[in-house]
C-alpha atoms as a PDB file:
ATOM      1  CA  UNK A   1     -24.958   1.566-140.688  1.00  0.00           C
ATOM      2  CA  UNK A   2     -27.344  -0.016-138.429  1.00  0.00           C
ATOM      3  CA  UNK A   3     -30.928   1.497-138.278  1.00  0.00           C
ATOM      4  CA  UNK A   4     -32.004   3.662-135.592  1.00  0.00           C
ATOM      5  CA  UNK A   5     -35.270   2.306-134.357  1.00  0.00           C
ATOM      6  CA  UNK A   6     -38.381   5.003-134.263  1.00  0.00           C
ATOM      7  CA  UNK A   7     -41.167   2.877-132.580  1.00  0.00           C
ATOM      8  CA  UNK A   8     -44.603   4.193-132.204  1.00  0.00           C
ATOM      9  CA  UNK A   9     -47.249   2.865-129.406  1.00  0.00           C
ATOM     10  CA  UNK A  10     -50.527   2.992-130.404  1.00  0.00           C
ATOM     11  CA  UNK A  11     -54.176   1.910-128.633  1.00  0.00           C
ATOM     12  CA  UNK A  12     -57.438   3.187-128.003  1.00  0.00           C
ATOM     13  CA  UNK A  13     -57.723   5.588-125.101  1.00  0.00           C
ATOM     14  CA  UNK A  14     -57.039   4.141-121.505  1.00  0.00           C
ATOM     15  CA  UNK A  15     -55.920   0.833-122.788  1.00  0.00           C
ATOM     16  CA  UNK A  16     -52.282   1.702-121.399  1.00  0.00           C
ATOM     17  CA  UNK A  17     -49.960   3.178-123.909  1.00  0.00           C
ATOM     18  CA  UNK A  18     -47.836   5.422-121.525  1.00  0.00           C
ATOM     19  CA  UNK A  19     -47.823   2.089-118.972  1.00  0.00           C
ATOM     20  CA  UNK A  20     -46.561   0.309-121.770  1.00  0.00           C
ATOM     21  CA  UNK A  21     -43.849   3.009-122.541  1.00  0.00           C
ATOM     22  CA  UNK A  22     -42.797   3.286-118.760  1.00  0.00           C
ATOM     23  CA  UNK A  23     -42.178  -0.345-118.736  1.00  0.00           C
ATOM     24  CA  UNK A  24     -39.906  -0.325-121.315  1.00  0.00           C
ATOM     25  CA  UNK A  25     -38.450   2.608-120.080  1.00  0.00           C
ATOM     26  CA  UNK A  26     -37.884   0.916-116.595  1.00  0.00           C
ATOM     27  CA  UNK A  27     -36.779  -2.291-117.995  1.00  0.00           C
ATOM     28  CA  UNK A  28     -33.795  -0.480-119.748  1.00  0.00           C
ATOM     29  CA  UNK A  29     -32.941   2.436-117.813  1.00  0.00           C
ATOM     30  CA  UNK A  30     -29.674   0.654-116.483  1.00  0.00           C
ATOM     31  CA  UNK A  31     -28.292   0.088-120.491  1.00  0.00           C
ATOM     32  CA  UNK A  32     -29.842   3.383-122.187  1.00  0.00           C
ATOM     33  CA  UNK A  33     -30.648   6.672-120.645  1.00  0.00           C
ATOM     34  CA  UNK A  34     -34.120   8.245-121.474  1.00  0.00           C
ATOM     35  CA  UNK A  35     -35.373  11.950-122.137  1.00  0.00           C
ATOM     36  CA  UNK A  36     -38.328  13.625-123.567  1.00  0.00           C
ATOM     37  CA  UNK A  37     -42.108  14.117-122.243  1.00  0.00           C
ATOM     38  CA  UNK A  38     -44.457  11.876-120.979  1.00  0.00           C
ATOM     39  CA  UNK A  39     -48.089  12.753-120.574  1.00  0.00           C
ATOM     40  CA  UNK A  40     -49.404  11.757-116.665  1.00  0.00           C
ATOM     41  CA  UNK A  41     -53.280  11.099-115.923  1.00  0.00           C
ATOM     42  CA  UNK A  42     -54.606  13.201-113.278  1.00  0.00           C
ATOM     43  CA  UNK A  43     -57.638  11.086-111.476  1.00  0.00           C
ATOM     44  CA  UNK A  44     -59.919  12.246-109.064  1.00  0.00           C
ATOM     45  CA  UNK A  45     -62.144   9.588-107.160  1.00  0.00           C
ATOM     46  CA  UNK A  46     -61.366   7.135-110.262  1.00  0.00           C
ATOM     47  CA  UNK A  47     -62.190   9.883-112.930  1.00  0.00           C
ATOM     48  CA  UNK A  48     -59.834  11.330-115.269  1.00  0.00           C
ATOM     49  CA  UNK A  49     -59.811  14.931-114.515  1.00  0.00           C
ATOM     50  CA  UNK A  50     -56.674  15.812-116.577  1.00  0.00           C
ATOM     51  CA  UNK A  51     -52.952  15.451-117.452  1.00  0.00           C
ATOM     52  CA  UNK A  52     -49.277  16.538-116.249  1.00  0.00           C
ATOM     53  CA  UNK A  53     -46.754  16.759-118.787  1.00  0.00           C
ATOM     54  CA  UNK A  54     -43.300  15.146-116.952  1.00  0.00           C
ATOM     55  CA  UNK A  55     -40.100  16.198-118.160  1.00  0.00           C
ATOM     56  CA  UNK A  56     -38.495  12.689-117.906  1.00  0.00           C
ATOM     57  CA  UNK A  57     -34.971  13.904-117.507  1.00  0.00           C
ATOM     58  CA  UNK A  58     -35.485  16.396-114.568  1.00  0.00           C
ATOM     59  CA  UNK A  59     -38.764  14.633-113.268  1.00  0.00           C
ATOM     60  CA  UNK A  60     -40.200  18.018-112.969  1.00  0.00           C
ATOM     61  CA  UNK A  61     -44.658  18.308-113.835  1.00  0.00           C
ATOM     62  CA  UNK A  62     -46.454  20.845-115.045  1.00  0.00           C
ATOM     63  CA  UNK A  63     -50.204  21.260-115.207  1.00  0.00           C
ATOM     64  CA  UNK A  64     -51.243  20.702-119.161  1.00  0.00           C
ATOM     65  CA  UNK A  65     -54.838  20.007-119.129  1.00  0.00           C
ATOM     66  CA  UNK A  66     -57.990  19.804-116.680  1.00  0.00           C
ATOM     67  CA  UNK A  67     -61.596  20.136-117.054  1.00  0.00           C
ATOM     68  CA  UNK A  68     -61.456  23.062-114.429  1.00  0.00           C
ATOM     69  CA  UNK A  69     -58.516  25.199-116.203  1.00  0.00           C
ATOM     70  CA  UNK A  70     -58.821  28.569-116.926  1.00  0.00           C
ATOM     71  CA  UNK A  71     -57.902  28.873-120.583  1.00  0.00           C
ATOM     72  CA  UNK A  72     -59.510  29.145-124.351  1.00  0.00           C
ATOM     73  CA  UNK A  73     -58.405  26.195-125.608  1.00  0.00           C
ATOM     74  CA  UNK A  74     -60.505  22.883-125.111  1.00  0.00           C
ATOM     75  CA  UNK A  75     -60.019  19.161-126.373  1.00  0.00           C
ATOM     76  CA  UNK A  76     -63.101  17.463-125.314  1.00  0.00           C
ATOM     77  CA  UNK A  77     -63.746  17.886-121.868  1.00  0.00           C
ATOM     78  CA  UNK A  78     -60.282  19.290-120.995  1.00  0.00           C
ATOM     79  CA  UNK A  79     -59.059  22.832-121.159  1.00  0.00           C
ATOM     80  CA  UNK A  80     -55.509  22.672-122.136  1.00  0.00           C
ATOM     81  CA  UNK A  81     -52.903  25.067-121.560  1.00  0.00           C
ATOM     82  CA  UNK A  82     -50.617  25.162-124.828  1.00  0.00           C
ATOM     83  CA  UNK A  83     -47.673  27.229-123.186  1.00  0.00           C
ATOM     84  CA  UNK A  84     -47.105  24.518-120.836  1.00  0.00           C
ATOM     85  CA  UNK A  85     -46.554  22.402-124.145  1.00  0.00           C
ATOM     86  CA  UNK A  86     -44.659  24.816-126.029  1.00  0.00           C
ATOM     87  CA  UNK A  87     -42.498  25.958-122.848  1.00  0.00           C
ATOM     88  CA  UNK A  88     -42.013  22.758-120.851  1.00  0.00           C
ATOM     89  CA  UNK A  89     -42.979  19.906-122.635  1.00  0.00           C
ATOM     90  CA  UNK A  90     -41.213  20.711-126.064  1.00  0.00           C
ATOM     91  CA  UNK A  91     -38.006  22.122-124.427  1.00  0.00           C
ATOM     92  CA  UNK A  92     -37.818  18.471-122.663  1.00  0.00           C
ATOM     93  CA  UNK A  93     -37.849  16.700-126.230  1.00  0.00           C
ATOM     94  CA  UNK A  94     -35.358  18.915-127.552  1.00  0.00           C
ATOM     95  CA  UNK A  95     -33.089  18.335-124.723  1.00  0.00           C
ATOM     96  CA  UNK A  96     -33.461  14.833-125.481  1.00  0.00           C
ATOM     97  CA  UNK A  97     -32.603  15.009-128.893  1.00  0.00           C
ATOM     98  CA  UNK A  98     -29.501  17.471-128.457  1.00  0.00           C
ATOM     99  CA  UNK A  99     -28.199  16.170-125.015  1.00  0.00           C
ATOM    100  CA  UNK A 100     -25.050  13.585-125.683  1.00  0.00           C
ATOM    101  CA  UNK A 101     -26.026  12.015-122.193  1.00  0.00           C
ATOM    102  CA  UNK A 102     -29.528  10.898-123.717  1.00  0.00           C
ATOM    103  CA  UNK A 103     -29.555   7.753-125.476  1.00  0.00           C
ATOM    104  CA  UNK A 104     -33.518   7.431-126.386  1.00  0.00           C
ATOM    105  CA  UNK A 105     -36.029  10.336-127.028  1.00  0.00           C
ATOM    106  CA  UNK A 106     -39.625   9.729-125.698  1.00  0.00           C
ATOM    107  CA  UNK A 107     -42.655  11.576-126.957  1.00  0.00           C
ATOM    108  CA  UNK A 108     -45.877  10.848-124.787  1.00  0.00           C
ATOM    109  CA  UNK A 109     -48.612  11.371-126.526  1.00  0.00           C
ATOM    110  CA  UNK A 110     -48.856  12.597-130.079  1.00  0.00           C
ATOM    111  CA  UNK A 111     -52.540  13.264-129.514  1.00  0.00           C
ATOM    112  CA  UNK A 112     -55.412  15.058-130.176  1.00  0.00           C
ATOM    113  CA  UNK A 113     -54.378  17.749-127.536  1.00  0.00           C
ATOM    114  CA  UNK A 114     -50.553  17.873-128.269  1.00  0.00           C
ATOM    115  CA  UNK A 115     -51.372  18.636-132.120  1.00  0.00           C
ATOM    116  CA  UNK A 116     -52.994  21.970-131.132  1.00  0.00           C
ATOM    117  CA  UNK A 117     -49.349  23.493-131.142  1.00  0.00           C
ATOM    118  CA  UNK A 118     -47.559  23.788-134.030  1.00  0.00           C
ATOM    119  CA  UNK A 119     -44.537  24.186-132.277  1.00  0.00           C
ATOM    120  CA  UNK A 120     -44.962  20.516-131.057  1.00  0.00           C
ATOM    121  CA  UNK A 121     -45.783  19.306-134.762  1.00  0.00           C
ATOM    122  CA  UNK A 122     -42.539  20.338-135.357  1.00  0.00           C
ATOM    123  CA  UNK A 123     -40.505  18.925-133.068  1.00  0.00           C
ATOM    124  CA  UNK A 124     -42.347  15.491-133.434  1.00  0.00           C
ATOM    125  CA  UNK A 125     -41.085  15.685-136.967  1.00  0.00           C
ATOM    126  CA  UNK A 126     -37.688  16.605-136.172  1.00  0.00           C
ATOM    127  CA  UNK A 127     -37.468  13.609-133.591  1.00  0.00           C
ATOM    128  CA  UNK A 128     -38.271  11.386-135.869  1.00  0.00           C
ATOM    129  CA  UNK A 129     -35.480  12.545-138.545  1.00  0.00           C
ATOM    130  CA  UNK A 130     -32.744  12.988-135.622  1.00  0.00           C
ATOM    131  CA  UNK A 131     -30.254  10.409-135.108  1.00  0.00           C
ATOM    132  CA  UNK A 132     -31.497   8.667-131.903  1.00  0.00           C
ATOM    133  CA  UNK A 133     -34.107   5.908-131.325  1.00  0.00           C
ATOM    134  CA  UNK A 134     -37.509   7.532-130.839  1.00  0.00           C
ATOM    135  CA  UNK A 135     -40.227   5.812-128.853  1.00  0.00           C
ATOM    136  CA  UNK A 136     -43.397   7.878-128.886  1.00  0.00           C
ATOM    137  CA  UNK A 137     -47.104   6.937-127.961  1.00  0.00           C
ATOM    138  CA  UNK A 138     -50.009   7.817-130.739  1.00  0.00           C
ATOM    139  CA  UNK A 139     -53.751   8.620-130.632  1.00  0.00           C
ATOM    140  CA  UNK A 140     -55.337   5.802-132.436  1.00  0.00           C
ATOM    141  CA  UNK A 141     -58.320   6.969-134.005  1.00  0.00           C
ATOM    142  CA  UNK A 142     -57.128  10.800-135.395  1.00  0.00           C
ATOM    143  CA  UNK A 143     -57.184  11.208-138.825  1.00  0.00           C
ATOM    144  CA  UNK A 144     -54.679  14.597-138.189  1.00  0.00           C
ATOM    145  CA  UNK A 145     -52.292  14.875-140.973  1.00  0.00           C
ATOM    146  CA  UNK A 146     -49.243  14.481-138.660  1.00  0.00           C
ATOM    147  CA  UNK A 147     -50.422  11.235-137.218  1.00  0.00           C
ATOM    148  CA  UNK A 148     -51.250   9.790-141.153  1.00  0.00           C
ATOM    149  CA  UNK A 149     -47.864  10.964-141.776  1.00  0.00           C
ATOM    150  CA  UNK A 150     -46.304   9.208-138.795  1.00  0.00           C
ATOM    151  CA  UNK A 151     -48.344   5.830-139.630  1.00  0.00           C
ATOM    152  CA  UNK A 152     -47.018   6.346-143.417  1.00  0.00           C
ATOM    153  CA  UNK A 153     -43.096   6.444-142.271  1.00  0.00           C
ATOM    154  CA  UNK A 154     -41.356   3.759-143.543  1.00  0.00           C
ATOM    155  CA  UNK A 155     -38.755   4.110-140.642  1.00  0.00           C
ATOM    156  CA  UNK A 156     -41.473   4.142-138.106  1.00  0.00           C
ATOM    157  CA  UNK A 157     -42.801   0.707-136.616  1.00  0.00           C
ATOM    158  CA  UNK A 158     -46.163   1.195-135.534  1.00  0.00           C
ATOM    159  CA  UNK A 159     -47.100  -1.511-132.423  1.00  0.00           C
ATOM    160  CA  UNK A 160     -50.815  -1.488-131.395  1.00  0.00           C
ATOM    161  CA  UNK A 161     -51.603  -2.076-127.671  1.00  0.00           C
ATOM    162  CA  UNK A 162     -54.226  -4.066-126.774  1.00  0.00           C
ATOM    163  CA  UNK A 163     -55.608  -5.880-123.296  1.00  0.00           C
ATOM    164  CA  UNK A 164     -54.369  -8.947-124.780  1.00  0.00           C
ATOM    165  CA  UNK A 165     -50.815  -7.954-125.441  1.00  0.00           C
ATOM    166  CA  UNK A 166     -50.325  -5.299-122.945  1.00  0.00           C
ATOM    167  CA  UNK A 167     -48.237  -7.398-120.834  1.00  0.00           C
ATOM    168  CA  UNK A 168     -45.718  -8.645-123.763  1.00  0.00           C
ATOM    169  CA  UNK A 169     -45.686  -5.272-125.466  1.00  0.00           C
ATOM    170  CA  UNK A 170     -42.795  -4.065-123.411  1.00  0.00           C
ATOM    171  CA  UNK A 171     -40.907  -7.040-123.939  1.00  0.00           C
ATOM    172  CA  UNK A 172     -41.145  -7.106-127.765  1.00  0.00           C
ATOM    173  CA  UNK A 173     -40.060  -3.098-127.878  1.00  0.00           C
ATOM    174  CA  UNK A 174     -37.137  -3.869-126.062  1.00  0.00           C
ATOM    175  CA  UNK A 175     -36.298  -7.088-127.832  1.00  0.00           C
ATOM    176  CA  UNK A 176     -36.810  -4.597-131.397  1.00  0.00           C
ATOM    177  CA  UNK A 177     -34.659  -1.785-129.785  1.00  0.00           C
ATOM    178  CA  UNK A 178     -31.962  -4.592-128.996  1.00  0.00           C
ATOM    179  CA  UNK A 179     -31.956  -6.093-132.322  1.00  0.00           C
ATOM    180  CA  UNK A 180     -31.913  -2.921-134.633  1.00  0.00           C
ATOM    181  CA  UNK A 181     -29.734  -0.657-132.716  1.00  0.00           C
ATOM    182  CA  UNK A 182     -26.506  -1.499-131.487  1.00  0.00           C
ATOM    183  CA  UNK A 183     -25.259   1.151-128.829  1.00  0.00           C
END
């Protein structure tokens, strides 16, 4: 039986984790199908002011976090709408795990904002145990117990993105998927 790759992409904020993930997906989309959620930054005048969650399968988007959102939940300067994560982002991940049409599950990002949701924590654990490859981006510095557990899992390969390797990392991830997972 071949190993089912679980690949975590980590790095400092704004180093390009989501960008690398999307480059991998774009390179492999002809061969594999992808589903799950991607978190897209929202910028105004070059300043990040929030994030949207994108369901990769449907391309639908929902506002997840913003400096001006009306919600009691806050992480750093962002106010977060956990309902959007629980009712939109998590179902996108579940659909990807359960759908026969989807080959690879994507979760972007396992970070401070997302980890405020207990349901999100559960779906991440389920994804890492599912019988499909998983590509996920991980907050680098957080000492959160789930992130610590993921970093210590034998079946998860963690790759750190830096400004130096940012351009070659998508090729490395593609190679790992091809070598470790025969589909």
